[in-house]
Amino acid sequence: IITPALMVGAFAERMKFSAMMLFSIVWALLSYLPICHMAWSGDGALFWDWEVMDFAGGTVVHINAGIAGLVACIMVGKRKGYGSSALQPHNVPMTVIGASMLWVGWFGFNAGSELAADGTAGMAMLVTQVATAMAALTWMLIEWLKNGKPTAVGIATGAVAGLVAITPASGSAGPLGAILIGFASSVICFWAATNLKHKLGYDDSLDVFGVHGVGGIVGAILTGVCAAEGLGGAGIALDSMGQQVAAQFKSVVVTILWSGAVSVVALLIIDKVVGGLRVSNEEETMGLDQSSHGETGYNS
């Protein structure tokens, strides 16, 4: 459920509801499930045979959804006013509440992937907390140094970046590795969500690619480093750190190519089926709550 929901944030406020529903279904069937099979279905599956370490879904969930969101937001186009007017978050307290709920829920997401109440699950909870706290703190400090003021939205975004990046490593990294993953993911995701997005000019409404896609890539690759026993991890699956990082990198590349290809083809077909991916200018100006669903979030 969470994986298709992630990518929707990238093209919020401008895609037709019918197109969004069709894309979510088709993408889940043709991208999410195959990548899930590659990672977790046992002997004979691609990532499994490569001995890729992805405990809770760095490739399956985050890179997969992040790439789909990037493709979709490029194909559907930018929001009206993007780049010429400030498109500020609607409700900062609700943003912080949502991020807090994610933070708590992620303990189940990561530790629950062990399917047992044991030491691995306990360590997964610990490293989830450590990486998330480190990422939130790092994002706050970067924002403070760069802009002169730390923000609540920035802290929330950093926390999510840390949650994303620790996901593949949560069953194998130790606290030291979690600190490294939290720091690296925050720095790189901050760059992706600000510099990279503005330089390339795409409109990813909720920074799905910048946080989930890039954070998933950082976490997947660093799992091959931070799982090492020398960094307090449970140990890598292959003979050397270099081999493990190479396997992790291959899984990242396959996920990017697979999700990207499925997303492009699916959206091209859906565009023809529903008569365009995007709502009209009038509907976008009115707001999709009203134009697509006949209701508004707040009634005076």
C-alpha atoms as a PDB file:
ATOM      1  CA  ILE A   1       0.000   0.000   0.000  1.00  0.00           C
ATOM      2  CA  ILE A   2       2.699   2.507   0.973  1.00  0.00           C
ATOM      3  CA  THR A   3       4.813   2.095  -2.166  1.00  0.00           C
ATOM      4  CA  PRO A   4       2.332   3.394  -4.789  1.00  0.00           C
ATOM      5  CA  ALA A   5       1.227   6.047  -2.287  1.00  0.00           C
ATOM      6  CA  LEU A   6       4.769   7.437  -2.145  1.00  0.00           C
ATOM      7  CA  MET A   7       5.051   8.168  -5.843  1.00  0.00           C
ATOM      8  CA  VAL A   8       1.707  10.007  -5.962  1.00  0.00           C
ATOM      9  CA  GLY A   9       3.226  12.872  -3.989  1.00  0.00           C
ATOM     10  CA  ALA A  10       5.593  13.675  -6.853  1.00  0.00           C
ATOM     11  CA  PHE A  11       2.799  14.744  -9.206  1.00  0.00           C
ATOM     12  CA  ALA A  12       0.284  16.055  -6.681  1.00  0.00           C
ATOM     13  CA  GLU A  13      -2.168  18.815  -7.678  1.00  0.00           C
ATOM     14  CA  ARG A  14      -2.214  18.211 -11.441  1.00  0.00           C
ATOM     15  CA  MET A  15      -2.821  14.617 -12.550  1.00  0.00           C
ATOM     16  CA  LYS A  16      -6.297  13.295 -13.312  1.00  0.00           C
ATOM     17  CA  PHE A  17      -7.689  10.993 -10.637  1.00  0.00           C
ATOM     18  CA  SER A  18      -8.458   8.322 -13.249  1.00  0.00           C
ATOM     19  CA  ALA A  19      -4.885   8.466 -14.562  1.00  0.00           C
ATOM     20  CA  MET A  20      -3.471   8.280 -11.046  1.00  0.00           C
ATOM     21  CA  MET A  21      -5.567   5.230 -10.159  1.00  0.00           C
ATOM     22  CA  LEU A  22      -4.686   3.381 -13.353  1.00  0.00           C
ATOM     23  CA  PHE A  23      -1.006   4.208 -12.997  1.00  0.00           C
ATOM     24  CA  SER A  24      -0.938   3.027  -9.376  1.00  0.00           C
ATOM     25  CA  ILE A  25      -2.489  -0.316 -10.307  1.00  0.00           C
ATOM     26  CA  VAL A  26      -0.398  -0.950 -13.422  1.00  0.00           C
ATOM     27  CA  TRP A  27       2.839   0.156 -11.769  1.00  0.00           C
ATOM     28  CA  ALA A  28       2.209  -1.977  -8.674  1.00  0.00           C
ATOM     29  CA  LEU A  29       1.620  -5.051 -10.839  1.00  0.00           C
ATOM     30  CA  LEU A  30       4.450  -4.529 -13.320  1.00  0.00           C
ATOM     31  CA  SER A  31       7.146  -2.781 -11.271  1.00  0.00           C
ATOM     32  CA  TYR A  32       6.604  -3.226  -7.540  1.00  0.00           C
ATOM     33  CA  LEU A  33       5.808  -6.937  -7.597  1.00  0.00           C
ATOM     34  CA  PRO A  34       8.660  -7.934  -9.957  1.00  0.00           C
ATOM     35  CA  ILE A  35      11.247  -5.997  -7.920  1.00  0.00           C
ATOM     36  CA  CYS A  36       9.797  -7.514  -4.756  1.00  0.00           C
ATOM     37  CA  HIS A  37      10.225 -10.955  -6.318  1.00  0.00           C
ATOM     38  CA  MET A  38      13.818 -10.193  -7.341  1.00  0.00           C
ATOM     39  CA  ALA A  39      14.725  -9.162  -3.800  1.00  0.00           C
ATOM     40  CA  TRP A  40      12.890 -11.531  -1.508  1.00  0.00           C
ATOM     41  CA  SER A  41      11.559 -14.646  -3.206  1.00  0.00           C
ATOM     42  CA  GLY A  42      14.562 -16.870  -2.524  1.00  0.00           C
ATOM     43  CA  ASP A  43      16.809 -18.999  -4.710  1.00  0.00           C
ATOM     44  CA  GLY A  44      16.500 -18.229  -8.400  1.00  0.00           C
ATOM     45  CA  ALA A  45      15.511 -14.598  -7.887  1.00  0.00           C
ATOM     46  CA  LEU A  46      17.926 -12.052  -9.339  1.00  0.00           C
ATOM     47  CA  PHE A  47      18.859  -9.944  -6.311  1.00  0.00           C
ATOM     48  CA  TRP A  48      18.717 -12.946  -4.009  1.00  0.00           C
ATOM     49  CA  ASP A  49      21.201 -14.854  -6.155  1.00  0.00           C
ATOM     50  CA  TRP A  50      23.459 -11.788  -6.244  1.00  0.00           C
ATOM     51  CA  GLU A  51      23.246 -11.830  -2.398  1.00  0.00           C
ATOM     52  CA  VAL A  52      21.991  -8.270  -2.310  1.00  0.00           C
ATOM     53  CA  MET A  53      21.225  -7.079   1.222  1.00  0.00           C
ATOM     54  CA  ASP A  54      17.866  -5.306   1.391  1.00  0.00           C
ATOM     55  CA  PHE A  55      16.251  -6.037   4.725  1.00  0.00           C
ATOM     56  CA  ALA A  56      13.086  -3.935   4.519  1.00  0.00           C
ATOM     57  CA  GLY A  57      12.829  -2.430   1.043  1.00  0.00           C
ATOM     58  CA  GLY A  58      15.408   0.123  -0.057  1.00  0.00           C
ATOM     59  CA  THR A  59      15.184  -1.056  -3.655  1.00  0.00           C
ATOM     60  CA  VAL A  60      11.726  -2.604  -3.536  1.00  0.00           C
ATOM     61  CA  VAL A  61       9.951   0.364  -1.967  1.00  0.00           C
ATOM     62  CA  HIS A  62      11.965   3.562  -2.066  1.00  0.00           C
ATOM     63  CA  ILE A  63      14.089   3.528  -5.220  1.00  0.00           C
ATOM     64  CA  ASN A  64      11.235   1.864  -7.073  1.00  0.00           C
ATOM     65  CA  ALA A  65       8.682   4.510  -6.059  1.00  0.00           C
ATOM     66  CA  GLY A  66      11.150   7.396  -6.290  1.00  0.00           C
ATOM     67  CA  ILE A  67      11.979   6.665  -9.920  1.00  0.00           C
ATOM     68  CA  ALA A  68       8.305   6.223 -10.807  1.00  0.00           C
ATOM     69  CA  GLY A  69       7.505   9.547  -9.166  1.00  0.00           C
ATOM     70  CA  LEU A  70      10.307  11.284 -11.065  1.00  0.00           C
ATOM     71  CA  VAL A  71       9.156   9.902 -14.414  1.00  0.00           C
ATOM     72  CA  ALA A  72       5.534  10.802 -13.710  1.00  0.00           C
ATOM     73  CA  CYS A  73       6.184  14.370 -12.572  1.00  0.00           C
ATOM     74  CA  ILE A  74       8.278  15.010 -15.691  1.00  0.00           C
ATOM     75  CA  MET A  75       5.694  13.506 -18.038  1.00  0.00           C
ATOM     76  CA  VAL A  76       2.703  15.277 -16.480  1.00  0.00           C
ATOM     77  CA  GLY A  77       4.514  18.622 -16.328  1.00  0.00           C
ATOM     78  CA  LYS A  78       5.005  21.313 -13.711  1.00  0.00           C
ATOM     79  CA  ARG A  79       2.312  22.848 -11.530  1.00  0.00           C
ATOM     80  CA  LYS A  80       0.931  26.221 -12.519  1.00  0.00           C
ATOM     81  CA  GLY A  81       3.111  28.905 -10.982  1.00  0.00           C
ATOM     82  CA  TYR A  82       6.047  26.604 -10.312  1.00  0.00           C
ATOM     83  CA  GLY A  83       9.242  28.626 -10.481  1.00  0.00           C
ATOM     84  CA  SER A  84       7.442  31.967 -10.601  1.00  0.00           C
ATOM     85  CA  SER A  85       5.592  31.965  -7.273  1.00  0.00           C
ATOM     86  CA  ALA A  86       6.250  30.477  -3.848  1.00  0.00           C
ATOM     87  CA  LEU A  87       4.422  27.163  -3.422  1.00  0.00           C
ATOM     88  CA  GLN A  88       4.652  26.846   0.345  1.00  0.00           C
ATOM     89  CA  PRO A  89       3.488  23.865   2.428  1.00  0.00           C
ATOM     90  CA  HIS A  90      -0.160  24.285   3.331  1.00  0.00           C
ATOM     91  CA  ASN A  91      -0.011  23.248   6.989  1.00  0.00           C
ATOM     92  CA  VAL A  92       3.300  22.901   8.817  1.00  0.00           C
ATOM     93  CA  PRO A  93       1.844  21.405  12.034  1.00  0.00           C
ATOM     94  CA  MET A  94       0.149  18.673   9.996  1.00  0.00           C
ATOM     95  CA  THR A  95       3.421  18.046   8.172  1.00  0.00           C
ATOM     96  CA  VAL A  96       5.237  17.552  11.471  1.00  0.00           C
ATOM     97  CA  ILE A  97       2.462  15.319  12.804  1.00  0.00           C
ATOM     98  CA  GLY A  98       2.631  13.210   9.645  1.00  0.00           C
ATOM     99  CA  ALA A  99       6.412  12.894   9.853  1.00  0.00           C
ATOM    100  CA  SER A 100       6.120  11.915  13.514  1.00  0.00           C
ATOM    101  CA  MET A 101       3.617   9.202  12.646  1.00  0.00           C
ATOM    102  CA  LEU A 102       5.979   7.919   9.965  1.00  0.00           C
ATOM    103  CA  TRP A 103       8.857   7.882  12.443  1.00  0.00           C
ATOM    104  CA  VAL A 104       6.902   5.759  14.917  1.00  0.00           C
ATOM    105  CA  GLY A 105       5.373   3.546  12.243  1.00  0.00           C
ATOM    106  CA  TRP A 106       8.774   2.865  10.716  1.00  0.00           C
ATOM    107  CA  PHE A 107       9.773   0.816  13.739  1.00  0.00           C
ATOM    108  CA  GLY A 108       7.157  -1.683  12.631  1.00  0.00           C
ATOM    109  CA  PHE A 109       8.162  -1.293   8.991  1.00  0.00           C
ATOM    110  CA  ASN A 110      11.800  -2.174   9.674  1.00  0.00           C
ATOM    111  CA  ALA A 111      11.749  -4.357  12.771  1.00  0.00           C
ATOM    112  CA  GLY A 112       8.625  -6.118  11.525  1.00  0.00           C
ATOM    113  CA  SER A 113      10.518  -7.284   8.452  1.00  0.00           C
ATOM    114  CA  GLU A 114      12.330  -9.768  10.701  1.00  0.00           C
ATOM    115  CA  LEU A 115       8.978 -11.538  11.291  1.00  0.00           C
ATOM    116  CA  ALA A 116      10.135 -12.400  14.804  1.00  0.00           C
ATOM    117  CA  ALA A 117      10.683 -10.763  18.188  1.00  0.00           C
ATOM    118  CA  ASP A 118      14.424 -11.323  18.470  1.00  0.00           C
ATOM    119  CA  GLY A 119      17.748  -9.519  18.614  1.00  0.00           C
ATOM    120  CA  THR A 120      17.702  -8.595  14.947  1.00  0.00           C
ATOM    121  CA  ALA A 121      14.323  -6.925  15.332  1.00  0.00           C
ATOM    122  CA  GLY A 122      15.530  -5.084  18.420  1.00  0.00           C
ATOM    123  CA  MET A 123      18.645  -3.835  16.647  1.00  0.00           C
ATOM    124  CA  ALA A 124      16.519  -2.810  13.657  1.00  0.00           C
ATOM    125  CA  MET A 125      14.471  -0.588  15.958  1.00  0.00           C
ATOM    126  CA  LEU A 126      17.604   0.933  17.486  1.00  0.00           C
ATOM    127  CA  VAL A 127      19.347   1.740  14.206  1.00  0.00           C
ATOM    128  CA  THR A 128      16.103   3.134  12.793  1.00  0.00           C
ATOM    129  CA  GLN A 129      15.968   5.591  15.679  1.00  0.00           C
ATOM    130  CA  VAL A 130      19.655   6.496  15.444  1.00  0.00           C
ATOM    131  CA  ALA A 131      19.735   7.051  11.674  1.00  0.00           C
ATOM    132  CA  THR A 132      16.539   9.090  11.696  1.00  0.00           C
ATOM    133  CA  ALA A 133      17.665  11.327  14.533  1.00  0.00           C
ATOM    134  CA  MET A 134      21.052  11.846  12.882  1.00  0.00           C
ATOM    135  CA  ALA A 135      19.465  12.708   9.543  1.00  0.00           C
ATOM    136  CA  ALA A 136      16.995  15.153  11.093  1.00  0.00           C
ATOM    137  CA  LEU A 137      19.784  16.883  13.028  1.00  0.00           C
ATOM    138  CA  THR A 138      22.045  17.044   9.972  1.00  0.00           C
ATOM    139  CA  TRP A 139      19.323  18.504   7.728  1.00  0.00           C
ATOM    140  CA  MET A 140      18.564  21.124  10.373  1.00  0.00           C
ATOM    141  CA  LEU A 141      22.235  22.115  10.602  1.00  0.00           C
ATOM    142  CA  ILE A 142      22.674  22.303   6.816  1.00  0.00           C
ATOM    143  CA  GLU A 143      19.574  24.472   6.513  1.00  0.00           C
ATOM    144  CA  TRP A 144      20.742  26.663   9.384  1.00  0.00           C
ATOM    145  CA  LEU A 145      24.188  27.165   7.856  1.00  0.00           C
ATOM    146  CA  LYS A 146      22.890  27.724   4.325  1.00  0.00           C
ATOM    147  CA  ASN A 147      19.764  29.804   4.946  1.00  0.00           C
ATOM    148  CA  GLY A 148      20.376  31.230   8.402  1.00  0.00           C
ATOM    149  CA  LYS A 149      17.265  29.589   9.865  1.00  0.00           C
ATOM    150  CA  PRO A 150      16.364  25.967  10.624  1.00  0.00           C
ATOM    151  CA  THR A 151      12.772  24.976   9.804  1.00  0.00           C
ATOM    152  CA  ALA A 152      10.324  22.402  11.106  1.00  0.00           C
ATOM    153  CA  VAL A 153       9.622  21.218   7.559  1.00  0.00           C
ATOM    154  CA  GLY A 154      13.356  20.748   7.018  1.00  0.00           C
ATOM    155  CA  ILE A 155      13.725  18.681  10.185  1.00  0.00           C
ATOM    156  CA  ALA A 156      10.739  16.543   9.150  1.00  0.00           C
ATOM    157  CA  THR A 157      12.173  16.052   5.669  1.00  0.00           C
ATOM    158  CA  GLY A 158      15.557  15.087   7.066  1.00  0.00           C
ATOM    159  CA  ALA A 159      13.933  12.568   9.372  1.00  0.00           C
ATOM    160  CA  VAL A 160      12.152  10.916   6.448  1.00  0.00           C
ATOM    161  CA  ALA A 161      15.427  10.800   4.492  1.00  0.00           C
ATOM    162  CA  GLY A 162      17.021   8.949   7.399  1.00  0.00           C
ATOM    163  CA  LEU A 163      14.100   6.546   7.668  1.00  0.00           C
ATOM    164  CA  VAL A 164      14.347   5.782   3.976  1.00  0.00           C
ATOM    165  CA  ALA A 165      18.103   5.247   3.934  1.00  0.00           C
ATOM    166  CA  ILE A 166      18.234   2.941   6.957  1.00  0.00           C
ATOM    167  CA  THR A 167      15.484   0.713   5.561  1.00  0.00           C
ATOM    168  CA  PRO A 168      17.716  -1.674   3.568  1.00  0.00           C
ATOM    169  CA  ALA A 169      20.382  -1.731   6.296  1.00  0.00           C
ATOM    170  CA  SER A 170      18.108  -2.022   9.319  1.00  0.00           C
ATOM    171  CA  GLY A 171      18.650  -5.758   9.731  1.00  0.00           C
ATOM    172  CA  SER A 172      22.411  -5.679   9.301  1.00  0.00           C
ATOM    173  CA  ALA A 173      23.905  -2.322  10.364  1.00  0.00           C
ATOM    174  CA  GLY A 174      24.893  -1.377  13.894  1.00  0.00           C
ATOM    175  CA  PRO A 175      24.596   2.012  15.636  1.00  0.00           C
ATOM    176  CA  LEU A 176      27.846   3.363  14.126  1.00  0.00           C
ATOM    177  CA  GLY A 177      26.699   2.424  10.646  1.00  0.00           C
ATOM    178  CA  ALA A 178      23.322   4.012  11.334  1.00  0.00           C
ATOM    179  CA  ILE A 179      25.013   7.304  12.225  1.00  0.00           C
ATOM    180  CA  LEU A 180      26.952   7.192   8.953  1.00  0.00           C
ATOM    181  CA  ILE A 181      23.835   6.358   6.923  1.00  0.00           C
ATOM    182  CA  GLY A 182      21.786   9.068   8.635  1.00  0.00           C
ATOM    183  CA  PHE A 183      24.436  11.712   8.020  1.00  0.00           C
ATOM    184  CA  ALA A 184      25.157  10.748   4.403  1.00  0.00           C
ATOM    185  CA  SER A 185      21.504  10.436   3.431  1.00  0.00           C
ATOM    186  CA  SER A 186      20.666  13.840   4.870  1.00  0.00           C
ATOM    187  CA  VAL A 187      23.519  15.616   3.079  1.00  0.00           C
ATOM    188  CA  ILE A 188      22.897  13.943  -0.281  1.00  0.00           C
ATOM    189  CA  CYS A 189      19.094  14.157  -0.130  1.00  0.00           C
ATOM    190  CA  PHE A 190      19.294  17.848   0.797  1.00  0.00           C
ATOM    191  CA  TRP A 191      21.395  18.419  -2.308  1.00  0.00           C
ATOM    192  CA  ALA A 192      19.002  16.381  -4.461  1.00  0.00           C
ATOM    193  CA  ALA A 193      15.858  18.090  -3.146  1.00  0.00           C
ATOM    194  CA  THR A 194      17.285  21.581  -3.613  1.00  0.00           C
ATOM    195  CA  ASN A 195      20.215  21.937  -6.017  1.00  0.00           C
ATOM    196  CA  LEU A 196      19.566  18.959  -8.294  1.00  0.00           C
ATOM    197  CA  LYS A 197      15.824  19.573  -8.612  1.00  0.00           C
ATOM    198  CA  HIS A 198      16.280  23.231  -9.448  1.00  0.00           C
ATOM    199  CA  LYS A 199      19.132  22.552 -11.868  1.00  0.00           C
ATOM    200  CA  LEU A 200      17.172  19.914 -13.807  1.00  0.00           C
ATOM    201  CA  GLY A 201      13.912  21.859 -13.558  1.00  0.00           C
ATOM    202  CA  TYR A 202      11.431  19.096 -12.713  1.00  0.00           C
ATOM    203  CA  ASP A 203       8.534  19.710 -10.321  1.00  0.00           C
ATOM    204  CA  ASP A 204       8.514  16.928  -7.726  1.00  0.00           C
ATOM    205  CA  SER A 205       5.855  18.305  -5.369  1.00  0.00           C
ATOM    206  CA  LEU A 206       6.860  16.333  -2.268  1.00  0.00           C
ATOM    207  CA  ASP A 207      10.481  15.553  -3.197  1.00  0.00           C
ATOM    208  CA  VAL A 208       9.661  11.890  -3.646  1.00  0.00           C
ATOM    209  CA  PHE A 209      12.681  11.342  -5.856  1.00  0.00           C
ATOM    210  CA  GLY A 210      14.957  13.610  -3.821  1.00  0.00           C
ATOM    211  CA  VAL A 211      14.135  11.913  -0.518  1.00  0.00           C
ATOM    212  CA  HIS A 212      12.874   8.410  -1.301  1.00  0.00           C
ATOM    213  CA  GLY A 213      14.651   7.730  -4.582  1.00  0.00           C
ATOM    214  CA  VAL A 214      17.998   9.254  -3.670  1.00  0.00           C
ATOM    215  CA  GLY A 215      17.728   8.207  -0.021  1.00  0.00           C
ATOM    216  CA  GLY A 216      17.014   4.656  -1.115  1.00  0.00           C
ATOM    217  CA  ILE A 217      20.064   4.678  -3.395  1.00  0.00           C
ATOM    218  CA  VAL A 218      22.310   6.003  -0.618  1.00  0.00           C
ATOM    219  CA  GLY A 219      20.983   3.455   1.859  1.00  0.00           C
ATOM    220  CA  ALA A 220      21.204   0.527  -0.541  1.00  0.00           C
ATOM    221  CA  ILE A 221      24.828   1.208  -1.427  1.00  0.00           C
ATOM    222  CA  LEU A 222      25.934   2.051   2.118  1.00  0.00           C
ATOM    223  CA  THR A 223      24.374  -1.179   3.369  1.00  0.00           C
ATOM    224  CA  GLY A 224      27.301  -2.915   1.689  1.00  0.00           C
ATOM    225  CA  VAL A 225      29.634  -0.853   3.870  1.00  0.00           C
ATOM    226  CA  CYS A 226      27.783  -0.474   7.156  1.00  0.00           C
ATOM    227  CA  ALA A 227      26.833  -4.139   7.492  1.00  0.00           C
ATOM    228  CA  ALA A 228      30.519  -4.973   7.934  1.00  0.00           C
ATOM    229  CA  GLU A 229      31.449  -6.377  11.329  1.00  0.00           C
ATOM    230  CA  GLY A 230      34.231  -3.804  11.610  1.00  0.00           C
ATOM    231  CA  LEU A 231      31.551  -1.091  11.789  1.00  0.00           C
ATOM    232  CA  GLY A 232      29.458  -3.008  14.287  1.00  0.00           C
ATOM    233  CA  GLY A 233      27.219  -4.664  11.713  1.00  0.00           C
ATOM    234  CA  ALA A 234      25.990  -8.233  11.492  1.00  0.00           C
ATOM    235  CA  GLY A 235      28.303  -9.010   8.591  1.00  0.00           C
ATOM    236  CA  ILE A 236      28.114  -8.799   4.817  1.00  0.00           C
ATOM    237  CA  ALA A 237      26.793 -11.586   2.607  1.00  0.00           C
ATOM    238  CA  LEU A 238      29.728 -11.748   0.171  1.00  0.00           C
ATOM    239  CA  ASP A 239      33.454 -12.267   0.681  1.00  0.00           C
ATOM    240  CA  SER A 240      34.533  -8.631   0.638  1.00  0.00           C
ATOM    241  CA  MET A 241      33.086  -5.164   1.117  1.00  0.00           C
ATOM    242  CA  GLY A 242      33.918  -4.310  -2.485  1.00  0.00           C
ATOM    243  CA  GLN A 243      31.953  -7.289  -3.781  1.00  0.00           C
ATOM    244  CA  GLN A 244      29.011  -6.430  -1.559  1.00  0.00           C
ATOM    245  CA  VAL A 245      28.932  -2.788  -2.637  1.00  0.00           C
ATOM    246  CA  ALA A 246      29.098  -3.925  -6.274  1.00  0.00           C
ATOM    247  CA  ALA A 247      26.117  -6.236  -5.742  1.00  0.00           C
ATOM    248  CA  GLN A 248      24.196  -3.447  -4.036  1.00  0.00           C
ATOM    249  CA  PHE A 249      25.018  -1.091  -6.910  1.00  0.00           C
ATOM    250  CA  LYS A 250      23.816  -3.599  -9.509  1.00  0.00           C
ATOM    251  CA  SER A 251      20.490  -3.935  -7.706  1.00  0.00           C
ATOM    252  CA  VAL A 252      20.115  -0.144  -7.692  1.00  0.00           C
ATOM    253  CA  VAL A 253      20.759   0.067 -11.441  1.00  0.00           C
ATOM    254  CA  VAL A 254      18.302  -2.728 -12.249  1.00  0.00           C
ATOM    255  CA  THR A 255      15.612  -1.133 -10.076  1.00  0.00           C
ATOM    256  CA  ILE A 256      16.090   2.282 -11.700  1.00  0.00           C
ATOM    257  CA  LEU A 257      15.927   0.871 -15.224  1.00  0.00           C
ATOM    258  CA  TRP A 258      12.979  -1.429 -14.521  1.00  0.00           C
ATOM    259  CA  SER A 259      10.842   1.109 -12.687  1.00  0.00           C
ATOM    260  CA  GLY A 260      11.705   3.845 -15.171  1.00  0.00           C
ATOM    261  CA  ALA A 261      10.819   1.731 -18.202  1.00  0.00           C
ATOM    262  CA  VAL A 262       7.556   0.468 -16.708  1.00  0.00           C
ATOM    263  CA  SER A 263       6.563   3.988 -15.684  1.00  0.00           C
ATOM    264  CA  VAL A 264       7.226   5.550 -19.096  1.00  0.00           C
ATOM    265  CA  VAL A 265       5.348   2.873 -21.035  1.00  0.00           C
ATOM    266  CA  ALA A 266       2.452   2.764 -18.563  1.00  0.00           C
ATOM    267  CA  LEU A 267       1.987   6.540 -18.586  1.00  0.00           C
ATOM    268  CA  LEU A 268       2.145   6.739 -22.390  1.00  0.00           C
ATOM    269  CA  ILE A 269      -0.631   4.151 -22.657  1.00  0.00           C
ATOM    270  CA  ILE A 270      -2.716   5.674 -19.851  1.00  0.00           C
ATOM    271  CA  ASP A 271      -2.388   9.091 -21.496  1.00  0.00           C
ATOM    272  CA  LYS A 272      -4.160   7.681 -24.563  1.00  0.00           C
ATOM    273  CA  VAL A 273      -6.746   5.745 -22.560  1.00  0.00           C
ATOM    274  CA  VAL A 274      -7.982   8.640 -20.390  1.00  0.00           C
ATOM    275  CA  GLY A 275      -7.431  11.434 -22.901  1.00  0.00           C
ATOM    276  CA  GLY A 276      -4.464  13.109 -21.241  1.00  0.00           C
ATOM    277  CA  LEU A 277      -2.732  12.690 -17.901  1.00  0.00           C
ATOM    278  CA  ARG A 278      -3.316  16.229 -16.709  1.00  0.00           C
ATOM    279  CA  VAL A 279      -6.406  18.111 -15.556  1.00  0.00           C
ATOM    280  CA  SER A 280      -7.413  21.311 -17.340  1.00  0.00           C
ATOM    281  CA  ASN A 281      -6.046  24.724 -16.330  1.00  0.00           C
ATOM    282  CA  GLU A 282      -9.428  25.632 -14.861  1.00  0.00           C
ATOM    283  CA  GLU A 283      -9.575  22.452 -12.771  1.00  0.00           C
ATOM    284  CA  GLU A 284      -6.020  22.961 -11.528  1.00  0.00           C
ATOM    285  CA  THR A 285      -6.771  26.560 -10.558  1.00  0.00           C
ATOM    286  CA  MET A 286      -9.914  25.467  -8.718  1.00  0.00           C
ATOM    287  CA  GLY A 287      -7.992  22.740  -6.922  1.00  0.00           C
ATOM    288  CA  LEU A 288      -8.400  19.009  -7.374  1.00  0.00           C
ATOM    289  CA  ASP A 289     -10.327  18.542  -4.132  1.00  0.00           C
ATOM    290  CA  GLN A 290     -13.121  20.632  -5.583  1.00  0.00           C
ATOM    291  CA  SER A 291     -12.809  19.887  -9.299  1.00  0.00           C
ATOM    292  CA  SER A 292     -12.221  16.120  -9.042  1.00  0.00           C
ATOM    293  CA  HIS A 293     -14.094  15.221  -5.861  1.00  0.00           C
ATOM    294  CA  GLY A 294     -16.580  18.008  -5.192  1.00  0.00           C
ATOM    295  CA  GLU A 295     -15.318  18.752  -1.698  1.00  0.00           C
ATOM    296  CA  THR A 296     -12.769  20.903   0.097  1.00  0.00           C
ATOM    297  CA  GLY A 297     -10.536  20.265   3.059  1.00  0.00           C
ATOM    298  CA  TYR A 298     -11.874  23.239   4.994  1.00  0.00           C
ATOM    299  CA  ASN A 299     -15.347  24.777   4.889  1.00  0.00           C
ATOM    300  CA  SER A 300     -15.957  28.223   6.355  1.00  0.00           C
END
